[in-house]
Amino acid sequence: MRRSTVSVVGALMLCTACGGGGSGGEEEARKPAAGASASRSAPAPTPVNDGATVRAAAAATARTTARIDERIDMSDDTTTVGLTIRGALDLAGGKGKLRVELQGDGTPPVPLDEIFTGRTVYFRMPQEPTGKTSWRSLRRDGTEAHYLFRAPMNDPTHVLRQVAMLPSARKVGEEKVNGAPTVHYRAEPDLKTLTYRMVAAQRTKLASHWEDMRRYLLPRADVWVDRQGRVVRTRFGMSAGTGGEVSTLLTLSDLGKPVRTPTAPPEAPAADPSTIGGPLAG
């Protein structure tokens, strides 16, 4: 694979070539597909496309509420970077709070607070190096992703839309998530899904290297659906060159339980979306 492709992947992830990890179903996700060791002479069975089931589950989840617990892990041969995103959100109404923390090797976490109030997301960095720690605001429909496997302003509804965009999916097993039985599905995300609402410059770079990435870095998506037909976990990830990998693991719990509606911060000026970037914002 060309070195330039690896470089682009690193830039599109999070200021570093990225690395994986996660919990719950990780070992299952690394297993070969059923029948991978079968004789080459045996006819391959026609795969069952469970895409409609996964899309329906994403739609059902987007109509409810959930507690958010997301972990984004990135590493290469020398560097490890991780993000945690926690909170609760009324996914249908777009209302709730999230706390984002970025932490590198041996460094204290850098936080970002977010409040969603429907069409607007408010954000602040309590430890902004420039000293600008006041609340600012953005229209949710005007935000974009700057990195691969990231959601604009960490919005979990973005991930559910990407799940609904997966061109196909297949069942790979049954596992427990949050202590409850689920069906685990796996898919190969296409370029359209991975670049959904990504800034144009990054989308162009990714598109120019897509065939190499698809062939050598093996982008993948996993979705876990509970018995009520709701998404309770997702994972998007891929390799990132020698020794590198990225994994974005989103777990949804307490589905359907009430979520406290936060109050919009007063006097929060609107920010220019083109000035918002960096790993904390997605």
C-alpha atoms as a PDB file:
ATOM      1  CA  MET A   1       0.000   0.000   0.000  1.00  0.00           C
ATOM      2  CA  ARG A   2       1.254   3.474  -0.778  1.00  0.00           C
ATOM      3  CA  ARG A   3       2.709   5.444   2.140  1.00  0.00           C
ATOM      4  CA  SER A   4       0.606   8.458   1.128  1.00  0.00           C
ATOM      5  CA  THR A   5      -2.553   6.497   1.865  1.00  0.00           C
ATOM      6  CA  VAL A   6      -1.401   5.734   5.403  1.00  0.00           C
ATOM      7  CA  SER A   7      -0.541   9.395   5.932  1.00  0.00           C
ATOM      8  CA  VAL A   8      -3.971  10.510   4.798  1.00  0.00           C
ATOM      9  CA  VAL A   9      -5.661   7.978   7.053  1.00  0.00           C
ATOM     10  CA  GLY A  10      -3.687   9.274  10.024  1.00  0.00           C
ATOM     11  CA  ALA A  11      -4.616  12.867   9.270  1.00  0.00           C
ATOM     12  CA  LEU A  12      -8.283  11.976   8.882  1.00  0.00           C
ATOM     13  CA  MET A  13      -8.492  10.196  12.197  1.00  0.00           C
ATOM     14  CA  LEU A  14      -7.353  12.349  15.086  1.00  0.00           C
ATOM     15  CA  CYS A  15      -4.008  14.070  14.746  1.00  0.00           C
ATOM     16  CA  THR A  16      -2.375  10.645  14.780  1.00  0.00           C
ATOM     17  CA  ALA A  17      -2.640   7.309  13.067  1.00  0.00           C
ATOM     18  CA  CYS A  18      -5.291   5.688  15.129  1.00  0.00           C
ATOM     19  CA  GLY A  19      -5.863   2.663  17.231  1.00  0.00           C
ATOM     20  CA  GLY A  20      -8.563   0.484  18.538  1.00  0.00           C
ATOM     21  CA  GLY A  21      -9.963  -1.112  21.532  1.00  0.00           C
ATOM     22  CA  GLY A  22     -13.346  -1.361  23.068  1.00  0.00           C
ATOM     23  CA  SER A  23     -15.353  -3.604  25.261  1.00  0.00           C
ATOM     24  CA  GLY A  24     -18.102  -6.124  24.942  1.00  0.00           C
ATOM     25  CA  GLY A  25     -17.993  -8.196  21.762  1.00  0.00           C
ATOM     26  CA  GLU A  26     -14.450  -7.171  20.865  1.00  0.00           C
ATOM     27  CA  GLU A  27     -13.220 -10.740  20.613  1.00  0.00           C
ATOM     28  CA  GLU A  28     -16.266 -11.685  18.594  1.00  0.00           C
ATOM     29  CA  ALA A  29     -15.608  -8.836  16.200  1.00  0.00           C
ATOM     30  CA  ARG A  30     -12.134 -10.191  15.523  1.00  0.00           C
ATOM     31  CA  LYS A  31     -13.281 -13.700  14.682  1.00  0.00           C
ATOM     32  CA  PRO A  32     -13.280 -14.754  11.031  1.00  0.00           C
ATOM     33  CA  ALA A  33     -16.595 -14.945   9.297  1.00  0.00           C
ATOM     34  CA  ALA A  34     -18.468 -18.203   9.694  1.00  0.00           C
ATOM     35  CA  GLY A  35     -17.306 -20.736   7.164  1.00  0.00           C
ATOM     36  CA  ALA A  36     -14.022 -18.961   6.440  1.00  0.00           C
ATOM     37  CA  SER A  37     -12.097 -22.204   6.854  1.00  0.00           C
ATOM     38  CA  ALA A  38     -14.375 -24.229   4.607  1.00  0.00           C
ATOM     39  CA  SER A  39     -12.978 -25.967   1.582  1.00  0.00           C
ATOM     40  CA  ARG A  40     -12.481 -23.754  -1.435  1.00  0.00           C
ATOM     41  CA  SER A  41     -14.259 -26.305  -3.562  1.00  0.00           C
ATOM     42  CA  ALA A  42     -17.492 -25.979  -1.620  1.00  0.00           C
ATOM     43  CA  PRO A  43     -19.997 -23.558  -3.138  1.00  0.00           C
ATOM     44  CA  ALA A  44     -20.283 -20.343  -1.151  1.00  0.00           C
ATOM     45  CA  PRO A  45     -23.763 -19.831   0.313  1.00  0.00           C
ATOM     46  CA  THR A  46     -25.615 -16.728  -0.681  1.00  0.00           C
ATOM     47  CA  PRO A  47     -25.147 -14.239   2.183  1.00  0.00           C
ATOM     48  CA  VAL A  48     -28.270 -13.022   3.900  1.00  0.00           C
ATOM     49  CA  ASN A  49     -28.596  -9.241   3.835  1.00  0.00           C
ATOM     50  CA  ASP A  50     -29.926  -8.044   7.189  1.00  0.00           C
ATOM     51  CA  GLY A  51     -29.594  -4.399   6.210  1.00  0.00           C
ATOM     52  CA  ALA A  52     -33.337  -3.744   6.519  1.00  0.00           C
ATOM     53  CA  THR A  53     -33.318  -5.023  10.103  1.00  0.00           C
ATOM     54  CA  VAL A  54     -30.402  -2.788  11.031  1.00  0.00           C
ATOM     55  CA  ARG A  55     -31.966   0.250   9.360  1.00  0.00           C
ATOM     56  CA  ALA A  56     -35.244  -0.315  11.197  1.00  0.00           C
ATOM     57  CA  ALA A  57     -33.381  -0.610  14.498  1.00  0.00           C
ATOM     58  CA  ALA A  58     -31.517   2.659  13.867  1.00  0.00           C
ATOM     59  CA  ALA A  59     -34.799   4.422  13.101  1.00  0.00           C
ATOM     60  CA  ALA A  60     -36.472   3.049  16.243  1.00  0.00           C
ATOM     61  CA  THR A  61     -33.548   4.138  18.408  1.00  0.00           C
ATOM     62  CA  ALA A  62     -33.560   7.655  16.963  1.00  0.00           C
ATOM     63  CA  ARG A  63     -37.127   8.044  18.260  1.00  0.00           C
ATOM     64  CA  THR A  64     -36.271   7.410  21.913  1.00  0.00           C
ATOM     65  CA  THR A  65     -33.916   8.525  24.690  1.00  0.00           C
ATOM     66  CA  ALA A  66     -30.625   7.026  25.796  1.00  0.00           C
ATOM     67  CA  ARG A  67     -27.651   7.309  28.081  1.00  0.00           C
ATOM     68  CA  ILE A  68     -24.521   7.825  25.998  1.00  0.00           C
ATOM     69  CA  ASP A  69     -21.198   6.118  26.669  1.00  0.00           C
ATOM     70  CA  GLU A  70     -18.748   6.413  23.793  1.00  0.00           C
ATOM     71  CA  ARG A  71     -15.068   5.522  23.616  1.00  0.00           C
ATOM     72  CA  ILE A  72     -12.785   6.488  20.740  1.00  0.00           C
ATOM     73  CA  ASP A  73      -9.324   4.906  20.792  1.00  0.00           C
ATOM     74  CA  MET A  74      -6.470   5.813  18.464  1.00  0.00           C
ATOM     75  CA  SER A  75      -2.847   4.709  18.449  1.00  0.00           C
ATOM     76  CA  ASP A  76       0.146   4.087  16.256  1.00  0.00           C
ATOM     77  CA  ASP A  77       3.594   2.693  17.064  1.00  0.00           C
ATOM     78  CA  THR A  78       4.425   5.571  19.416  1.00  0.00           C
ATOM     79  CA  THR A  79       1.272   7.433  20.417  1.00  0.00           C
ATOM     80  CA  THR A  80      -2.034   6.629  22.068  1.00  0.00           C
ATOM     81  CA  VAL A  81      -4.946   9.065  22.158  1.00  0.00           C
ATOM     82  CA  GLY A  82      -8.402   8.426  23.554  1.00  0.00           C
ATOM     83  CA  LEU A  83     -11.704  10.252  23.888  1.00  0.00           C
ATOM     84  CA  THR A  84     -14.644   9.524  26.146  1.00  0.00           C
ATOM     85  CA  ILE A  85     -18.111  10.957  25.571  1.00  0.00           C
ATOM     86  CA  ARG A  86     -20.719  10.514  28.282  1.00  0.00           C
ATOM     87  CA  GLY A  87     -24.145  11.929  29.036  1.00  0.00           C
ATOM     88  CA  ALA A  88     -27.795  11.470  28.141  1.00  0.00           C
ATOM     89  CA  LEU A  89     -29.845  12.645  25.194  1.00  0.00           C
ATOM     90  CA  ASP A  90     -33.421  12.749  24.002  1.00  0.00           C
ATOM     91  CA  LEU A  91     -32.472  11.516  20.554  1.00  0.00           C
ATOM     92  CA  ALA A  92     -35.770  12.493  18.946  1.00  0.00           C
ATOM     93  CA  GLY A  93     -35.883  15.975  20.437  1.00  0.00           C
ATOM     94  CA  GLY A  94     -32.148  16.549  20.321  1.00  0.00           C
ATOM     95  CA  LYS A  95     -32.002  17.656  23.960  1.00  0.00           C
ATOM     96  CA  GLY A  96     -29.462  16.675  26.577  1.00  0.00           C
ATOM     97  CA  LYS A  97     -25.905  17.073  27.836  1.00  0.00           C
ATOM     98  CA  LEU A  98     -22.579  15.486  26.949  1.00  0.00           C
ATOM     99  CA  ARG A  99     -19.158  15.651  28.548  1.00  0.00           C
ATOM    100  CA  VAL A 100     -16.211  14.995  26.239  1.00  0.00           C
ATOM    101  CA  GLU A 101     -12.674  14.315  27.464  1.00  0.00           C
ATOM    102  CA  LEU A 102      -9.512  13.936  25.395  1.00  0.00           C
ATOM    103  CA  GLN A 103      -6.493  12.235  26.904  1.00  0.00           C
ATOM    104  CA  GLY A 104      -3.119  11.306  25.467  1.00  0.00           C
ATOM    105  CA  ASP A 105      -0.228   9.287  26.839  1.00  0.00           C
ATOM    106  CA  GLY A 106       0.471  10.475  30.373  1.00  0.00           C
ATOM    107  CA  THR A 107      -1.385  13.771  30.018  1.00  0.00           C
ATOM    108  CA  PRO A 108      -4.351  15.035  32.043  1.00  0.00           C
ATOM    109  CA  PRO A 109      -7.722  14.978  30.263  1.00  0.00           C
ATOM    110  CA  VAL A 110      -8.910  18.030  28.337  1.00  0.00           C
ATOM    111  CA  PRO A 111     -12.695  18.512  28.690  1.00  0.00           C
ATOM    112  CA  LEU A 112     -15.460  19.899  26.509  1.00  0.00           C
ATOM    113  CA  ASP A 113     -19.003  20.489  27.784  1.00  0.00           C
ATOM    114  CA  GLU A 114     -21.951  20.334  25.362  1.00  0.00           C
ATOM    115  CA  ILE A 115     -25.648  21.127  25.762  1.00  0.00           C
ATOM    116  CA  PHE A 116     -28.141  20.166  23.039  1.00  0.00           C
ATOM    117  CA  THR A 117     -31.424  22.089  22.896  1.00  0.00           C
ATOM    118  CA  GLY A 118     -33.061  20.904  19.693  1.00  0.00           C
ATOM    119  CA  ARG A 119     -31.632  22.773  16.718  1.00  0.00           C
ATOM    120  CA  THR A 120     -28.726  24.280  18.655  1.00  0.00           C
ATOM    121  CA  VAL A 121     -25.671  22.868  20.391  1.00  0.00           C
ATOM    122  CA  TYR A 122     -23.878  24.952  23.022  1.00  0.00           C
ATOM    123  CA  PHE A 123     -20.278  24.203  23.910  1.00  0.00           C
ATOM    124  CA  ARG A 124     -17.417  25.415  26.054  1.00  0.00           C
ATOM    125  CA  MET A 125     -13.914  24.331  27.019  1.00  0.00           C
ATOM    126  CA  PRO A 126     -13.486  24.895  30.770  1.00  0.00           C
ATOM    127  CA  GLN A 127      -9.713  24.684  30.289  1.00  0.00           C
ATOM    128  CA  GLU A 128      -9.315  26.508  26.984  1.00  0.00           C
ATOM    129  CA  PRO A 129      -5.600  27.417  26.627  1.00  0.00           C
ATOM    130  CA  THR A 130      -6.491  30.790  25.113  1.00  0.00           C
ATOM    131  CA  GLY A 131      -8.615  31.621  28.141  1.00  0.00           C
ATOM    132  CA  LYS A 132     -11.884  31.694  26.185  1.00  0.00           C
ATOM    133  CA  THR A 133     -13.988  29.511  28.462  1.00  0.00           C
ATOM    134  CA  SER A 134     -17.430  31.028  27.888  1.00  0.00           C
ATOM    135  CA  TRP A 135     -20.304  29.220  26.164  1.00  0.00           C
ATOM    136  CA  ARG A 136     -20.724  29.494  22.397  1.00  0.00           C
ATOM    137  CA  SER A 137     -23.389  28.074  20.095  1.00  0.00           C
ATOM    138  CA  LEU A 138     -23.789  26.382  16.725  1.00  0.00           C
ATOM    139  CA  ARG A 139     -26.730  25.278  14.639  1.00  0.00           C
ATOM    140  CA  ARG A 140     -26.654  21.493  14.640  1.00  0.00           C
ATOM    141  CA  ASP A 141     -27.488  21.288  10.941  1.00  0.00           C
ATOM    142  CA  GLY A 142     -24.496  23.507  10.155  1.00  0.00           C
ATOM    143  CA  THR A 143     -21.858  21.362  11.846  1.00  0.00           C
ATOM    144  CA  GLU A 144     -19.556  18.949  10.010  1.00  0.00           C
ATOM    145  CA  ALA A 145     -17.143  16.165  10.886  1.00  0.00           C
ATOM    146  CA  HIS A 146     -13.424  16.838  10.514  1.00  0.00           C
ATOM    147  CA  TYR A 147     -12.063  13.372  11.227  1.00  0.00           C
ATOM    148  CA  LEU A 148     -12.800   9.825  10.178  1.00  0.00           C
ATOM    149  CA  PHE A 149     -15.186   7.943  12.500  1.00  0.00           C
ATOM    150  CA  ARG A 150     -16.230  11.131  14.278  1.00  0.00           C
ATOM    151  CA  ALA A 151     -19.610  12.818  14.570  1.00  0.00           C
ATOM    152  CA  PRO A 152     -20.056  16.594  14.236  1.00  0.00           C
ATOM    153  CA  MET A 153     -19.937  18.001  17.779  1.00  0.00           C
ATOM    154  CA  ASN A 154     -20.071  14.380  19.014  1.00  0.00           C
ATOM    155  CA  ASP A 155     -23.784  14.097  18.166  1.00  0.00           C
ATOM    156  CA  PRO A 156     -24.821  10.410  18.598  1.00  0.00           C
ATOM    157  CA  THR A 157     -27.743  10.824  16.189  1.00  0.00           C
ATOM    158  CA  HIS A 158     -25.113  11.207  13.461  1.00  0.00           C
ATOM    159  CA  VAL A 159     -23.885   7.690  14.206  1.00  0.00           C
ATOM    160  CA  LEU A 160     -27.417   6.310  13.971  1.00  0.00           C
ATOM    161  CA  ARG A 161     -27.811   7.946  10.563  1.00  0.00           C
ATOM    162  CA  GLN A 162     -24.578   6.304   9.422  1.00  0.00           C
ATOM    163  CA  VAL A 163     -25.870   2.947  10.666  1.00  0.00           C
ATOM    164  CA  ALA A 164     -29.018   3.487   8.608  1.00  0.00           C
ATOM    165  CA  MET A 165     -26.852   4.233   5.554  1.00  0.00           C
ATOM    166  CA  LEU A 166     -24.906   0.955   5.665  1.00  0.00           C
ATOM    167  CA  PRO A 167     -25.435  -0.735   2.274  1.00  0.00           C
ATOM    168  CA  SER A 168     -25.772  -4.202   3.778  1.00  0.00           C
ATOM    169  CA  ALA A 169     -25.293  -6.151   6.994  1.00  0.00           C
ATOM    170  CA  ARG A 170     -25.161  -9.768   8.110  1.00  0.00           C
ATOM    171  CA  LYS A 171     -25.750 -11.516  11.402  1.00  0.00           C
ATOM    172  CA  VAL A 172     -22.578 -12.827  13.016  1.00  0.00           C
ATOM    173  CA  GLY A 173     -23.839 -13.994  16.377  1.00  0.00           C
ATOM    174  CA  GLU A 174     -25.715 -13.329  19.572  1.00  0.00           C
ATOM    175  CA  GLU A 175     -24.141 -11.580  22.575  1.00  0.00           C
ATOM    176  CA  LYS A 176     -25.092  -9.737  25.722  1.00  0.00           C
ATOM    177  CA  VAL A 177     -24.779  -5.956  25.896  1.00  0.00           C
ATOM    178  CA  ASN A 178     -25.708  -4.080  29.067  1.00  0.00           C
ATOM    179  CA  GLY A 179     -26.554  -7.509  30.503  1.00  0.00           C
ATOM    180  CA  ALA A 180     -29.295  -8.155  27.929  1.00  0.00           C
ATOM    181  CA  PRO A 181     -29.291 -10.447  24.862  1.00  0.00           C
ATOM    182  CA  THR A 182     -28.642  -8.849  21.487  1.00  0.00           C
ATOM    183  CA  VAL A 183     -28.018  -9.826  17.882  1.00  0.00           C
ATOM    184  CA  HIS A 184     -24.659  -8.737  16.497  1.00  0.00           C
ATOM    185  CA  TYR A 185     -24.527  -7.598  12.858  1.00  0.00           C
ATOM    186  CA  ARG A 186     -21.486  -6.684  10.788  1.00  0.00           C
ATOM    187  CA  ALA A 187     -21.175  -4.546   7.661  1.00  0.00           C
ATOM    188  CA  GLU A 188     -18.600  -3.003   5.372  1.00  0.00           C
ATOM    189  CA  PRO A 189     -19.276   0.739   5.312  1.00  0.00           C
ATOM    190  CA  ASP A 190     -19.011   2.451   1.962  1.00  0.00           C
ATOM    191  CA  LEU A 191     -17.429   5.798   1.157  1.00  0.00           C
ATOM    192  CA  LYS A 192     -20.762   7.638   1.280  1.00  0.00           C
ATOM    193  CA  THR A 193     -21.441   6.400   4.804  1.00  0.00           C
ATOM    194  CA  LEU A 194     -17.997   7.223   6.183  1.00  0.00           C
ATOM    195  CA  THR A 195     -17.898  10.714   4.670  1.00  0.00           C
ATOM    196  CA  TYR A 196     -21.452  11.678   5.604  1.00  0.00           C
ATOM    197  CA  ARG A 197     -21.383  15.370   6.622  1.00  0.00           C
ATOM    198  CA  MET A 198     -17.594  15.496   6.522  1.00  0.00           C
ATOM    199  CA  VAL A 199     -15.885  18.760   5.576  1.00  0.00           C
ATOM    200  CA  ALA A 200     -15.269  18.930   1.831  1.00  0.00           C
ATOM    201  CA  ALA A 201     -11.464  19.023   1.954  1.00  0.00           C
ATOM    202  CA  GLN A 202     -11.229  15.905   4.101  1.00  0.00           C
ATOM    203  CA  ARG A 203     -13.900  14.122   2.076  1.00  0.00           C
ATOM    204  CA  THR A 204     -11.920  14.760  -1.115  1.00  0.00           C
ATOM    205  CA  LYS A 205      -8.718  13.393   0.420  1.00  0.00           C
ATOM    206  CA  LEU A 206     -10.475  10.295   1.648  1.00  0.00           C
ATOM    207  CA  ALA A 207     -12.151   9.691  -1.709  1.00  0.00           C
ATOM    208  CA  SER A 208      -8.835   9.877  -3.566  1.00  0.00           C
ATOM    209  CA  HIS A 209      -7.416   7.049  -1.420  1.00  0.00           C
ATOM    210  CA  TRP A 210     -10.596   5.057  -0.960  1.00  0.00           C
ATOM    211  CA  GLU A 211      -9.739   2.008  -3.074  1.00  0.00           C
ATOM    212  CA  ASP A 212      -6.443   1.458  -1.248  1.00  0.00           C
ATOM    213  CA  MET A 213      -8.090   1.981   2.109  1.00  0.00           C
ATOM    214  CA  ARG A 214     -10.929  -0.384   1.334  1.00  0.00           C
ATOM    215  CA  ARG A 215      -8.534  -3.071   0.138  1.00  0.00           C
ATOM    216  CA  TYR A 216      -5.801  -2.857   2.775  1.00  0.00           C
ATOM    217  CA  LEU A 217      -7.245  -1.133   5.849  1.00  0.00           C
ATOM    218  CA  LEU A 218     -10.547  -3.011   5.924  1.00  0.00           C
ATOM    219  CA  PRO A 219     -13.104  -0.494   7.242  1.00  0.00           C
ATOM    220  CA  ARG A 220     -15.840  -2.217   9.209  1.00  0.00           C
ATOM    221  CA  ALA A 221     -18.990  -1.515  11.149  1.00  0.00           C
ATOM    222  CA  ASP A 222     -20.651  -3.561  13.878  1.00  0.00           C
ATOM    223  CA  VAL A 223     -24.152  -3.062  15.258  1.00  0.00           C
ATOM    224  CA  TRP A 224     -25.839  -4.758  18.206  1.00  0.00           C
ATOM    225  CA  VAL A 225     -29.665  -4.841  18.277  1.00  0.00           C
ATOM    226  CA  ASP A 226     -31.690  -5.801  21.343  1.00  0.00           C
ATOM    227  CA  ARG A 227     -34.891  -7.864  21.452  1.00  0.00           C
ATOM    228  CA  GLN A 228     -36.973  -4.703  21.256  1.00  0.00           C
ATOM    229  CA  GLY A 229     -35.401  -3.908  17.887  1.00  0.00           C
ATOM    230  CA  ARG A 230     -33.224  -1.026  19.114  1.00  0.00           C
ATOM    231  CA  VAL A 231     -29.547  -0.319  18.570  1.00  0.00           C
ATOM    232  CA  VAL A 232     -27.684  -0.634  21.868  1.00  0.00           C
ATOM    233  CA  ARG A 233     -24.104  -0.605  20.595  1.00  0.00           C
ATOM    234  CA  THR A 234     -22.208   0.380  17.463  1.00  0.00           C
ATOM    235  CA  ARG A 235     -18.578   0.186  16.496  1.00  0.00           C
ATOM    236  CA  PHE A 236     -16.852   1.675  13.441  1.00  0.00           C
ATOM    237  CA  GLY A 237     -13.194   1.014  12.854  1.00  0.00           C
ATOM    238  CA  MET A 238     -10.327   0.108  10.555  1.00  0.00           C
ATOM    239  CA  SER A 239      -6.602  -0.497  10.512  1.00  0.00           C
ATOM    240  CA  ALA A 240      -4.271   2.449  10.026  1.00  0.00           C
ATOM    241  CA  GLY A 241      -1.038   1.130   8.610  1.00  0.00           C
ATOM    242  CA  THR A 242       1.601  -0.843  10.505  1.00  0.00           C
ATOM    243  CA  GLY A 243       0.462  -1.456  14.059  1.00  0.00           C
ATOM    244  CA  GLY A 244      -2.286   1.143  13.941  1.00  0.00           C
ATOM    245  CA  GLU A 245      -6.032   0.881  14.295  1.00  0.00           C
ATOM    246  CA  VAL A 246      -8.978   3.070  15.221  1.00  0.00           C
ATOM    247  CA  SER A 247     -12.170   2.091  16.995  1.00  0.00           C
ATOM    248  CA  THR A 248     -15.208   4.187  17.839  1.00  0.00           C
ATOM    249  CA  LEU A 249     -17.461   2.317  20.253  1.00  0.00           C
ATOM    250  CA  LEU A 250     -20.848   3.804  21.163  1.00  0.00           C
ATOM    251  CA  THR A 251     -22.993   2.152  23.829  1.00  0.00           C
ATOM    252  CA  LEU A 252     -26.598   3.222  24.428  1.00  0.00           C
ATOM    253  CA  SER A 253     -28.368   2.309  27.668  1.00  0.00           C
ATOM    254  CA  ASP A 254     -31.477   3.299  29.647  1.00  0.00           C
ATOM    255  CA  LEU A 255     -33.377   3.557  26.383  1.00  0.00           C
ATOM    256  CA  GLY A 256     -36.766   5.191  26.825  1.00  0.00           C
ATOM    257  CA  LYS A 257     -36.047   6.586  30.279  1.00  0.00           C
ATOM    258  CA  PRO A 258     -36.667  10.289  30.906  1.00  0.00           C
ATOM    259  CA  VAL A 259     -33.798  12.652  30.164  1.00  0.00           C
ATOM    260  CA  ARG A 260     -33.450  15.920  32.008  1.00  0.00           C
ATOM    261  CA  THR A 261     -33.827  18.810  29.586  1.00  0.00           C
ATOM    262  CA  PRO A 262     -30.973  21.278  30.155  1.00  0.00           C
ATOM    263  CA  THR A 263     -31.355  25.031  30.096  1.00  0.00           C
ATOM    264  CA  ALA A 264     -29.709  26.874  27.237  1.00  0.00           C
ATOM    265  CA  PRO A 265     -26.769  28.970  28.462  1.00  0.00           C
ATOM    266  CA  PRO A 266     -27.644  32.677  28.337  1.00  0.00           C
ATOM    267  CA  GLU A 267     -25.730  35.067  26.124  1.00  0.00           C
ATOM    268  CA  ALA A 268     -23.905  32.352  24.205  1.00  0.00           C
ATOM    269  CA  PRO A 269     -22.755  33.985  20.944  1.00  0.00           C
ATOM    270  CA  ALA A 270     -23.018  32.055  17.686  1.00  0.00           C
ATOM    271  CA  ALA A 271     -19.706  30.677  16.440  1.00  0.00           C
ATOM    272  CA  ASP A 272     -18.612  30.491  12.819  1.00  0.00           C
ATOM    273  CA  PRO A 273     -18.719  26.756  11.918  1.00  0.00           C
ATOM    274  CA  SER A 274     -15.604  27.157   9.768  1.00  0.00           C
ATOM    275  CA  THR A 275     -13.613  28.096  12.881  1.00  0.00           C
ATOM    276  CA  ILE A 276     -14.632  24.989  14.822  1.00  0.00           C
ATOM    277  CA  GLY A 277     -12.269  22.068  14.591  1.00  0.00           C
ATOM    278  CA  GLY A 278      -9.852  20.073  16.657  1.00  0.00           C
ATOM    279  CA  PRO A 279     -10.269  16.581  18.090  1.00  0.00           C
ATOM    280  CA  LEU A 280     -12.717  17.490  20.851  1.00  0.00           C
ATOM    281  CA  ALA A 281     -15.354  18.838  18.478  1.00  0.00           C
ATOM    282  CA  GLY A 282     -15.205  15.936  16.037  1.00  0.00           C
END
